[in-house]
Amino acid sequence: MLRDIRLRDLELLDRIARLRSISAAADEMGVTSSTAGRWLAHLEACLGVRLVERTTRTLALTQRGRELRLRAADVVAAMNAAVHAMHTQLPRGTVRVSVPPLAVGTCSSS
């Protein structure tokens, strides 16, 4: 089941801990609170442990939740850095295409 853990689940856990709210974490990630709740339940089911202790007034990570957040922080940061690098290192510039004059006349819409 560990292979079913998604990066977004780990990002959600970090945001829940930082914001102390599932709904605020969901808003920050651009999803509904119910979706965030499902993601959290999925992560807890994959690991077989409770990660967040919820009451009507408070929300806090369990000891296991704190441990996972610390260990997963490097993974999340590395993936975000890799994705950012892919977007910033895209080739840029002018592309020149050489087309024979006969082909230009046959492709023209006029």
C-alpha atoms as a PDB file:
ATOM      1  CA  MET A   1       0.000   0.000   0.000  1.00  0.00           C
ATOM      2  CA  LEU A   2       2.970   2.320   0.432  1.00  0.00           C
ATOM      3  CA  ARG A   3       3.227   2.706  -3.328  1.00  0.00           C
ATOM      4  CA  ASP A   4      -0.254   4.258  -3.258  1.00  0.00           C
ATOM      5  CA  ILE A   5       0.926   7.282  -1.260  1.00  0.00           C
ATOM      6  CA  ARG A   6       0.748  10.400  -3.398  1.00  0.00           C
ATOM      7  CA  LEU A   7       2.878  13.513  -3.145  1.00  0.00           C
ATOM      8  CA  ARG A   8      -0.246  15.628  -2.717  1.00  0.00           C
ATOM      9  CA  ASP A   9      -1.142  13.587   0.381  1.00  0.00           C
ATOM     10  CA  LEU A  10       2.189  14.520   1.950  1.00  0.00           C
ATOM     11  CA  GLU A  11       1.785  18.156   0.908  1.00  0.00           C
ATOM     12  CA  LEU A  12      -1.658  18.156   2.501  1.00  0.00           C
ATOM     13  CA  LEU A  13      -0.293  16.793   5.770  1.00  0.00           C
ATOM     14  CA  ASP A  14       2.309  19.564   5.861  1.00  0.00           C
ATOM     15  CA  ARG A  15      -0.310  22.235   5.219  1.00  0.00           C
ATOM     16  CA  ILE A  16      -2.679  20.798   7.819  1.00  0.00           C
ATOM     17  CA  ALA A  17       0.119  20.961  10.386  1.00  0.00           C
ATOM     18  CA  ARG A  18       1.126  24.491   9.403  1.00  0.00           C
ATOM     19  CA  LEU A  19      -2.400  25.907   9.200  1.00  0.00           C
ATOM     20  CA  ARG A  20      -3.941  23.692  11.917  1.00  0.00           C
ATOM     21  CA  SER A  21      -6.997  23.256   9.746  1.00  0.00           C
ATOM     22  CA  ILE A  22      -8.072  20.777   7.093  1.00  0.00           C
ATOM     23  CA  SER A  23     -10.360  23.317   5.434  1.00  0.00           C
ATOM     24  CA  ALA A  24      -7.622  25.994   5.317  1.00  0.00           C
ATOM     25  CA  ALA A  25      -5.194  23.436   3.883  1.00  0.00           C
ATOM     26  CA  ALA A  26      -7.809  22.448   1.315  1.00  0.00           C
ATOM     27  CA  ASP A  27      -8.380  26.083   0.338  1.00  0.00           C
ATOM     28  CA  GLU A  28      -4.652  26.610  -0.078  1.00  0.00           C
ATOM     29  CA  MET A  29      -4.452  23.547  -2.334  1.00  0.00           C
ATOM     30  CA  GLY A  30      -7.523  24.559  -4.321  1.00  0.00           C
ATOM     31  CA  VAL A  31      -9.689  21.575  -3.366  1.00  0.00           C
ATOM     32  CA  THR A  32     -12.781  21.090  -1.234  1.00  0.00           C
ATOM     33  CA  SER A  33     -12.595  20.185   2.437  1.00  0.00           C
ATOM     34  CA  SER A  34     -14.211  16.824   1.719  1.00  0.00           C
ATOM     35  CA  THR A  35     -11.553  16.051  -0.901  1.00  0.00           C
ATOM     36  CA  ALA A  36      -8.803  16.963   1.558  1.00  0.00           C
ATOM     37  CA  GLY A  37     -10.468  14.744   4.162  1.00  0.00           C
ATOM     38  CA  ARG A  38     -10.501  11.844   1.693  1.00  0.00           C
ATOM     39  CA  TRP A  39      -6.821  12.404   0.863  1.00  0.00           C
ATOM     40  CA  LEU A  40      -5.946  12.400   4.563  1.00  0.00           C
ATOM     41  CA  ALA A  41      -7.995   9.245   5.167  1.00  0.00           C
ATOM     42  CA  HIS A  42      -6.255   7.610   2.185  1.00  0.00           C
ATOM     43  CA  LEU A  43      -2.817   8.483   3.596  1.00  0.00           C
ATOM     44  CA  GLU A  44      -3.740   7.177   7.034  1.00  0.00           C
ATOM     45  CA  ALA A  45      -5.125   3.967   5.498  1.00  0.00           C
ATOM     46  CA  CYS A  46      -1.984   3.432   3.418  1.00  0.00           C
ATOM     47  CA  LEU A  47       0.209   3.773   6.492  1.00  0.00           C
ATOM     48  CA  GLY A  48      -2.153   2.066   8.923  1.00  0.00           C
ATOM     49  CA  VAL A  49      -1.723   4.831  11.512  1.00  0.00           C
ATOM     50  CA  ARG A  50      -3.606   7.896  12.625  1.00  0.00           C
ATOM     51  CA  LEU A  51      -1.761  11.063  11.605  1.00  0.00           C
ATOM     52  CA  VAL A  52      -4.125  13.788  12.804  1.00  0.00           C
ATOM     53  CA  GLU A  53      -5.969  14.060  16.092  1.00  0.00           C
ATOM     54  CA  ARG A  54      -9.212  15.975  15.632  1.00  0.00           C
ATOM     55  CA  THR A  55     -11.640  17.311  18.167  1.00  0.00           C
ATOM     56  CA  THR A  56     -14.457  19.791  17.717  1.00  0.00           C
ATOM     57  CA  ARG A  57     -12.135  22.673  18.617  1.00  0.00           C
ATOM     58  CA  THR A  58      -8.580  21.582  17.885  1.00  0.00           C
ATOM     59  CA  LEU A  59      -6.548  19.757  15.324  1.00  0.00           C
ATOM     60  CA  ALA A  60      -2.996  18.522  15.857  1.00  0.00           C
ATOM     61  CA  LEU A  61      -0.671  15.972  14.349  1.00  0.00           C
ATOM     62  CA  THR A  62      -0.141  12.791  16.303  1.00  0.00           C
ATOM     63  CA  GLN A  63       3.411  11.720  17.122  1.00  0.00           C
ATOM     64  CA  ARG A  64       3.372   9.563  13.950  1.00  0.00           C
ATOM     65  CA  GLY A  65       2.030  12.503  11.975  1.00  0.00           C
ATOM     66  CA  ARG A  66       4.858  14.735  13.201  1.00  0.00           C
ATOM     67  CA  GLU A  67       7.430  12.059  12.337  1.00  0.00           C
ATOM     68  CA  LEU A  68       6.022  11.599   8.835  1.00  0.00           C
ATOM     69  CA  ARG A  69       5.877  15.347   8.237  1.00  0.00           C
ATOM     70  CA  LEU A  70       9.549  15.734   9.163  1.00  0.00           C
ATOM     71  CA  ARG A  71      10.671  12.796   7.028  1.00  0.00           C
ATOM     72  CA  ALA A  72       8.476  13.703   4.062  1.00  0.00           C
ATOM     73  CA  ALA A  73       9.516  17.374   3.984  1.00  0.00           C
ATOM     74  CA  ASP A  74      12.707  16.564   2.049  1.00  0.00           C
ATOM     75  CA  VAL A  75      10.795  14.406  -0.437  1.00  0.00           C
ATOM     76  CA  VAL A  76       8.194  17.096  -1.080  1.00  0.00           C
ATOM     77  CA  ALA A  77      10.856  19.806  -1.387  1.00  0.00           C
ATOM     78  CA  ALA A  78      12.919  17.697  -3.800  1.00  0.00           C
ATOM     79  CA  MET A  79       9.919  16.959  -6.017  1.00  0.00           C
ATOM     80  CA  ASN A  80       8.825  20.598  -6.051  1.00  0.00           C
ATOM     81  CA  ALA A  81      12.384  21.663  -6.943  1.00  0.00           C
ATOM     82  CA  ALA A  82      12.528  19.086  -9.749  1.00  0.00           C
ATOM     83  CA  VAL A  83       9.214  20.233 -11.208  1.00  0.00           C
ATOM     84  CA  HIS A  84      10.256  23.876 -10.922  1.00  0.00           C
ATOM     85  CA  ALA A  85      13.539  23.094 -12.690  1.00  0.00           C
ATOM     86  CA  MET A  86      11.682  21.391 -15.521  1.00  0.00           C
ATOM     87  CA  HIS A  87       9.520  24.463 -16.046  1.00  0.00           C
ATOM     88  CA  THR A  88      12.342  26.989 -15.829  1.00  0.00           C
ATOM     89  CA  GLN A  89      14.809  25.066 -17.989  1.00  0.00           C
ATOM     90  CA  LEU A  90      12.589  24.701 -21.025  1.00  0.00           C
ATOM     91  CA  PRO A  91      14.284  25.617 -24.287  1.00  0.00           C
ATOM     92  CA  ARG A  92      13.546  29.181 -25.345  1.00  0.00           C
ATOM     93  CA  GLY A  93      14.194  31.161 -28.466  1.00  0.00           C
ATOM     94  CA  THR A  94      13.116  31.505 -32.062  1.00  0.00           C
ATOM     95  CA  VAL A  95      12.399  28.478 -34.197  1.00  0.00           C
ATOM     96  CA  ARG A  96      13.021  28.953 -37.892  1.00  0.00           C
ATOM     97  CA  VAL A  97      11.442  26.591 -40.360  1.00  0.00           C
ATOM     98  CA  SER A  98      12.506  26.389 -43.953  1.00  0.00           C
ATOM     99  CA  VAL A  99       9.624  25.636 -46.316  1.00  0.00           C
ATOM    100  CA  PRO A 100       9.909  25.383 -50.102  1.00  0.00           C
ATOM    101  CA  PRO A 101       7.922  28.136 -51.911  1.00  0.00           C
ATOM    102  CA  LEU A 102       5.633  25.601 -53.585  1.00  0.00           C
ATOM    103  CA  ALA A 103       4.511  24.238 -50.182  1.00  0.00           C
ATOM    104  CA  VAL A 104       3.617  27.718 -48.929  1.00  0.00           C
ATOM    105  CA  GLY A 105       1.157  28.245 -51.793  1.00  0.00           C
ATOM    106  CA  THR A 106      -0.586  24.916 -51.220  1.00  0.00           C
ATOM    107  CA  CYS A 107      -1.008  25.482 -47.472  1.00  0.00           C
ATOM    108  CA  SER A 108      -2.280  29.042 -47.730  1.00  0.00           C
ATOM    109  CA  SER A 109      -5.882  29.619 -46.653  1.00  0.00           C
ATOM    110  CA  SER A 110      -6.470  32.534 -49.069  1.00  0.00           C
END
